[in-house]
């Protein structure tokens, strides 16, 4: 009986506290507004072309006006930031990059980044094997699980990643019109690798 009376006496103050918190919560400052979509990356196209033992990487990103203006005004910082992050990602898969090029196109509000990727293609007895985890893992993609389109020219994908429309195009050597099909030999691919012959 005594317990019931204590609970009844405590219920009213608890109810008042809950109501007060709800009222104060409603008057609290709104959460910080995330940047407008137009300030983020609007579209990205990544092309990777195999030539010999080198992969040529090209990335074009379209930006909102304010973000692009900021990059245009701070080009050296943009280059340094990109290289630092990109090279950290490459190091995870024991690959490296060289011969960087950067351009800024005011007409399309886009950045264009190019470089050569090393140590991603190996050749043994006339058979080439290219590793693409350095490209796919940061994007959360997989050649098979994400249904990359297969052709005699390589592999391609279009979709949206973190709200950004993207295209990924992997150009591989055309070998006697063979399509780069999953698990096929001598021309084919798996989840993050592709292979072909001389």
Protein backbone atom coordinates (compact mmCIF):
# COMPACT_ATOMS: atom_id res chain seq x y z
CA UNK A 1 0.00 0.00 0.00
CA UNK A 2 2.77 2.35 0.97
CA UNK A 3 4.54 1.60 -2.31
CA UNK A 4 1.40 2.49 -4.32
CA UNK A 5 1.11 5.84 -2.56
CA UNK A 6 4.80 6.68 -3.23
CA UNK A 7 4.38 5.79 -6.93
CA UNK A 8 1.25 7.97 -7.20
CA UNK A 9 3.04 10.90 -5.56
CA UNK A 10 6.04 10.50 -7.90
CA UNK A 11 3.91 10.18 -11.03
CA UNK A 12 2.76 13.81 -11.12
CA UNK A 13 6.25 15.37 -10.86
CA UNK A 14 7.57 12.92 -13.47
CA UNK A 15 4.73 13.84 -15.80
CA UNK A 16 5.46 17.54 -15.32
CA UNK A 17 9.17 17.00 -16.02
CA UNK A 18 8.39 15.08 -19.24
CA UNK A 19 6.01 17.84 -20.39
CA UNK A 20 8.58 20.53 -19.56
CA UNK A 21 11.32 18.71 -21.50
CA UNK A 22 9.00 18.30 -24.49
CA UNK A 23 8.14 22.00 -24.44
CA UNK A 24 11.77 23.12 -24.06
CA UNK A 25 12.84 20.63 -26.74
CA UNK A 26 10.33 22.22 -29.11
CA UNK A 27 11.89 25.65 -28.50
CA UNK A 28 15.45 24.50 -28.82
CA UNK A 29 17.58 25.76 -31.68
CA UNK A 30 17.14 23.63 -34.80
CA UNK A 31 19.86 21.20 -35.73
CA UNK A 32 22.52 22.60 -37.99
CA UNK A 33 21.23 22.48 -41.54
CA UNK A 34 23.26 20.28 -43.82
CA UNK A 35 24.76 22.00 -46.86
CA UNK A 36 22.41 22.35 -49.79
CA UNK A 37 22.67 19.60 -52.38
CA UNK A 38 23.88 22.07 -54.99
CA UNK A 39 26.96 22.71 -52.84
CA UNK A 40 28.01 19.06 -52.98
CA UNK A 41 29.23 16.93 -55.83
CA UNK A 42 26.45 16.75 -58.42
CA UNK A 43 27.78 14.05 -60.75
CA UNK A 44 30.92 11.93 -61.19
CA UNK A 45 32.28 10.01 -64.17
CA UNK A 46 35.29 7.75 -63.65
CA UNK A 47 37.11 6.20 -66.59
CA UNK A 48 39.98 3.75 -66.22
CA UNK A 49 41.84 2.54 -69.32
CA UNK A 50 44.34 -0.32 -69.32
CA UNK A 51 47.44 0.12 -71.44
CA UNK A 52 50.30 -2.33 -71.00
CA UNK A 53 50.98 -2.54 -67.26
CA UNK A 54 49.49 0.90 -66.51
CA UNK A 55 45.94 1.99 -65.73
CA UNK A 56 45.10 5.53 -66.87
CA UNK A 57 42.62 7.07 -64.41
CA UNK A 58 40.33 9.99 -65.26
CA UNK A 59 37.70 11.44 -62.92
CA UNK A 60 35.32 14.26 -63.81
CA UNK A 61 33.17 15.74 -61.07
CA UNK A 62 30.47 18.39 -61.50
CA UNK A 63 29.88 20.74 -58.56
CA UNK A 64 27.43 23.34 -57.30
CA UNK A 65 28.38 26.92 -58.10
CA UNK A 66 29.62 27.93 -54.65
CA UNK A 67 31.64 24.73 -54.10
CA UNK A 68 33.23 24.98 -57.56
CA UNK A 69 34.09 28.67 -57.00
CA UNK A 70 35.80 27.70 -53.76
CA UNK A 71 37.83 24.99 -55.50
CA UNK A 72 38.70 27.37 -58.34
CA UNK A 73 39.96 29.96 -55.84
CA UNK A 74 41.94 27.34 -53.87
CA UNK A 75 43.30 25.05 -56.58
CA UNK A 76 46.51 24.14 -54.77
CA UNK A 77 44.55 23.04 -51.69
CA UNK A 78 42.12 21.04 -53.86
CA UNK A 79 45.05 19.22 -55.50
CA UNK A 80 46.77 18.52 -52.19
CA UNK A 81 43.56 17.27 -50.52
CA UNK A 82 42.67 15.00 -53.43
CA UNK A 83 46.16 13.48 -53.68
CA UNK A 84 46.37 12.86 -49.94
CA UNK A 85 43.04 11.03 -49.76
CA UNK A 86 43.48 9.18 -53.07
CA UNK A 87 46.98 7.96 -52.22
CA UNK A 88 45.80 6.70 -48.82
CA UNK A 89 43.14 4.65 -50.60
CA UNK A 90 45.70 3.36 -53.13
CA UNK A 91 48.13 2.37 -50.39
CA UNK A 92 45.51 0.01 -48.91
CA UNK A 93 45.72 -2.09 -52.08
CA UNK A 94 49.49 -1.66 -52.57
CA UNK A 95 49.11 0.48 -55.69
CA UNK A 96 50.43 3.96 -56.41
CA UNK A 97 49.81 6.91 -58.73
CA UNK A 98 51.95 9.33 -60.73
CA UNK A 99 51.69 11.96 -63.45
CA UNK A 100 48.74 13.78 -61.92
CA UNK A 101 46.89 16.40 -63.96
CA UNK A 102 44.15 18.72 -62.70
CA UNK A 103 41.92 21.06 -64.65
CA UNK A 104 39.01 23.28 -63.67
CA UNK A 105 36.27 23.99 -66.23
CA UNK A 106 34.26 27.09 -65.35
CA UNK A 107 31.76 26.55 -68.18
CA UNK A 108 30.64 23.18 -66.76
CA UNK A 109 31.64 23.85 -63.11
CA UNK A 110 33.61 20.64 -63.11
CA UNK A 111 37.00 19.34 -62.07
CA UNK A 112 38.97 16.87 -64.15
CA UNK A 113 41.65 14.75 -62.50
CA UNK A 114 43.94 12.36 -64.31
CA UNK A 115 46.81 10.12 -63.24
CA UNK A 116 48.49 6.79 -63.93
CA UNK A 117 47.94 3.88 -61.55
CA UNK A 118 50.90 1.53 -61.03
CA UNK A 119 51.25 -1.98 -59.58
CA UNK A 120 47.62 -2.84 -60.38
CA UNK A 121 48.37 -4.94 -63.50
CA UNK A 122 50.68 -7.93 -63.58
CA UNK A 123 51.73 -10.09 -66.54
CA UNK A 124 52.78 -13.72 -66.41
CA UNK A 125 53.34 -15.96 -69.45
CA UNK A 126 51.34 -13.68 -71.76
CA UNK A 127 48.38 -13.35 -69.38
CA UNK A 128 47.47 -10.00 -67.81
CA UNK A 129 45.66 -9.67 -64.49
CA UNK A 130 44.37 -6.28 -63.32
CA UNK A 131 43.29 -5.48 -59.75
CA UNK A 132 40.53 -2.91 -59.21
CA UNK A 133 39.87 -3.04 -55.46
CA UNK A 134 41.65 0.34 -55.18
CA UNK A 135 38.80 1.78 -57.28
CA UNK A 136 35.83 -0.35 -56.21
CA UNK A 137 36.25 -0.59 -52.43
CA UNK A 138 36.05 3.17 -51.68
CA UNK A 139 32.86 3.31 -53.78
CA UNK A 140 31.41 0.17 -52.20
CA UNK A 141 31.15 -1.52 -55.60
CA UNK A 142 31.79 -5.03 -56.89
CA UNK A 143 31.95 -6.11 -60.56
CA UNK A 144 29.62 -9.08 -59.99
CA UNK A 145 27.40 -8.10 -57.07
CA UNK A 146 26.67 -4.69 -58.59
CA UNK A 147 25.94 -6.04 -62.07
CA UNK A 148 28.59 -4.25 -64.09
CA UNK A 149 27.75 -4.41 -67.80
CA UNK A 150 30.09 -6.74 -69.64
CA UNK A 151 31.35 -6.12 -73.16
CA UNK A 152 34.34 -6.85 -75.39
CA UNK A 153 35.67 -3.39 -74.43
CA UNK A 154 35.52 -3.94 -70.66
CA UNK A 155 33.08 -3.27 -67.83
CA UNK A 156 30.78 -0.37 -66.96
CA UNK A 157 28.28 0.68 -64.29
CA UNK A 158 25.85 3.52 -63.69
CA UNK A 159 24.05 4.28 -60.48
CA UNK A 160 23.89 6.50 -57.42
CA UNK A 161 26.35 6.43 -54.52
CA UNK A 162 25.61 8.54 -51.43
CA UNK A 163 23.15 10.60 -53.46
CA UNK A 164 25.60 11.30 -56.31
CA UNK A 165 24.87 9.89 -59.80
CA UNK A 166 27.97 8.08 -61.02
CA UNK A 167 29.31 6.29 -64.06
CA UNK A 168 32.29 3.94 -63.87
CA UNK A 169 33.84 2.82 -67.16
CA UNK A 170 36.67 0.27 -67.25
CA UNK A 171 38.28 0.08 -70.72
CA UNK A 172 40.22 -3.12 -71.26
CA UNK A 173 42.03 -4.42 -74.35
CA UNK A 174 39.72 -5.85 -77.01
CA UNK A 175 40.82 -9.43 -77.64
CA UNK A 176 39.22 -11.19 -80.63
CA UNK A 177 35.76 -9.79 -79.68
CA UNK A 178 35.66 -11.82 -76.45
CA UNK A 179 33.28 -10.34 -73.86
CA UNK A 180 34.72 -9.83 -70.37
CA UNK A 181 32.35 -12.29 -68.67
CA UNK A 182 32.44 -13.33 -65.01
CA UNK A 183 34.74 -16.26 -64.26
CA UNK A 184 35.49 -16.92 -67.96
CA UNK A 185 38.95 -17.80 -69.24
CA UNK A 186 41.13 -16.60 -70.95
CA UNK A 187 39.18 -13.28 -70.99
CA UNK A 188 37.04 -12.46 -67.96
CA UNK A 189 36.63 -10.96 -64.52
CA UNK A 190 35.72 -11.75 -60.91
CA UNK A 191 34.54 -9.43 -58.12
CA UNK A 192 37.46 -6.95 -58.35
CA UNK A 193 39.84 -8.31 -61.02
CA UNK A 194 39.89 -8.66 -64.79
CA UNK A 195 42.17 -10.70 -67.01
CA UNK A 196 43.10 -11.06 -70.67
CA UNK A 197 45.85 -12.45 -72.87
CA UNK A 198 48.24 -10.99 -75.44
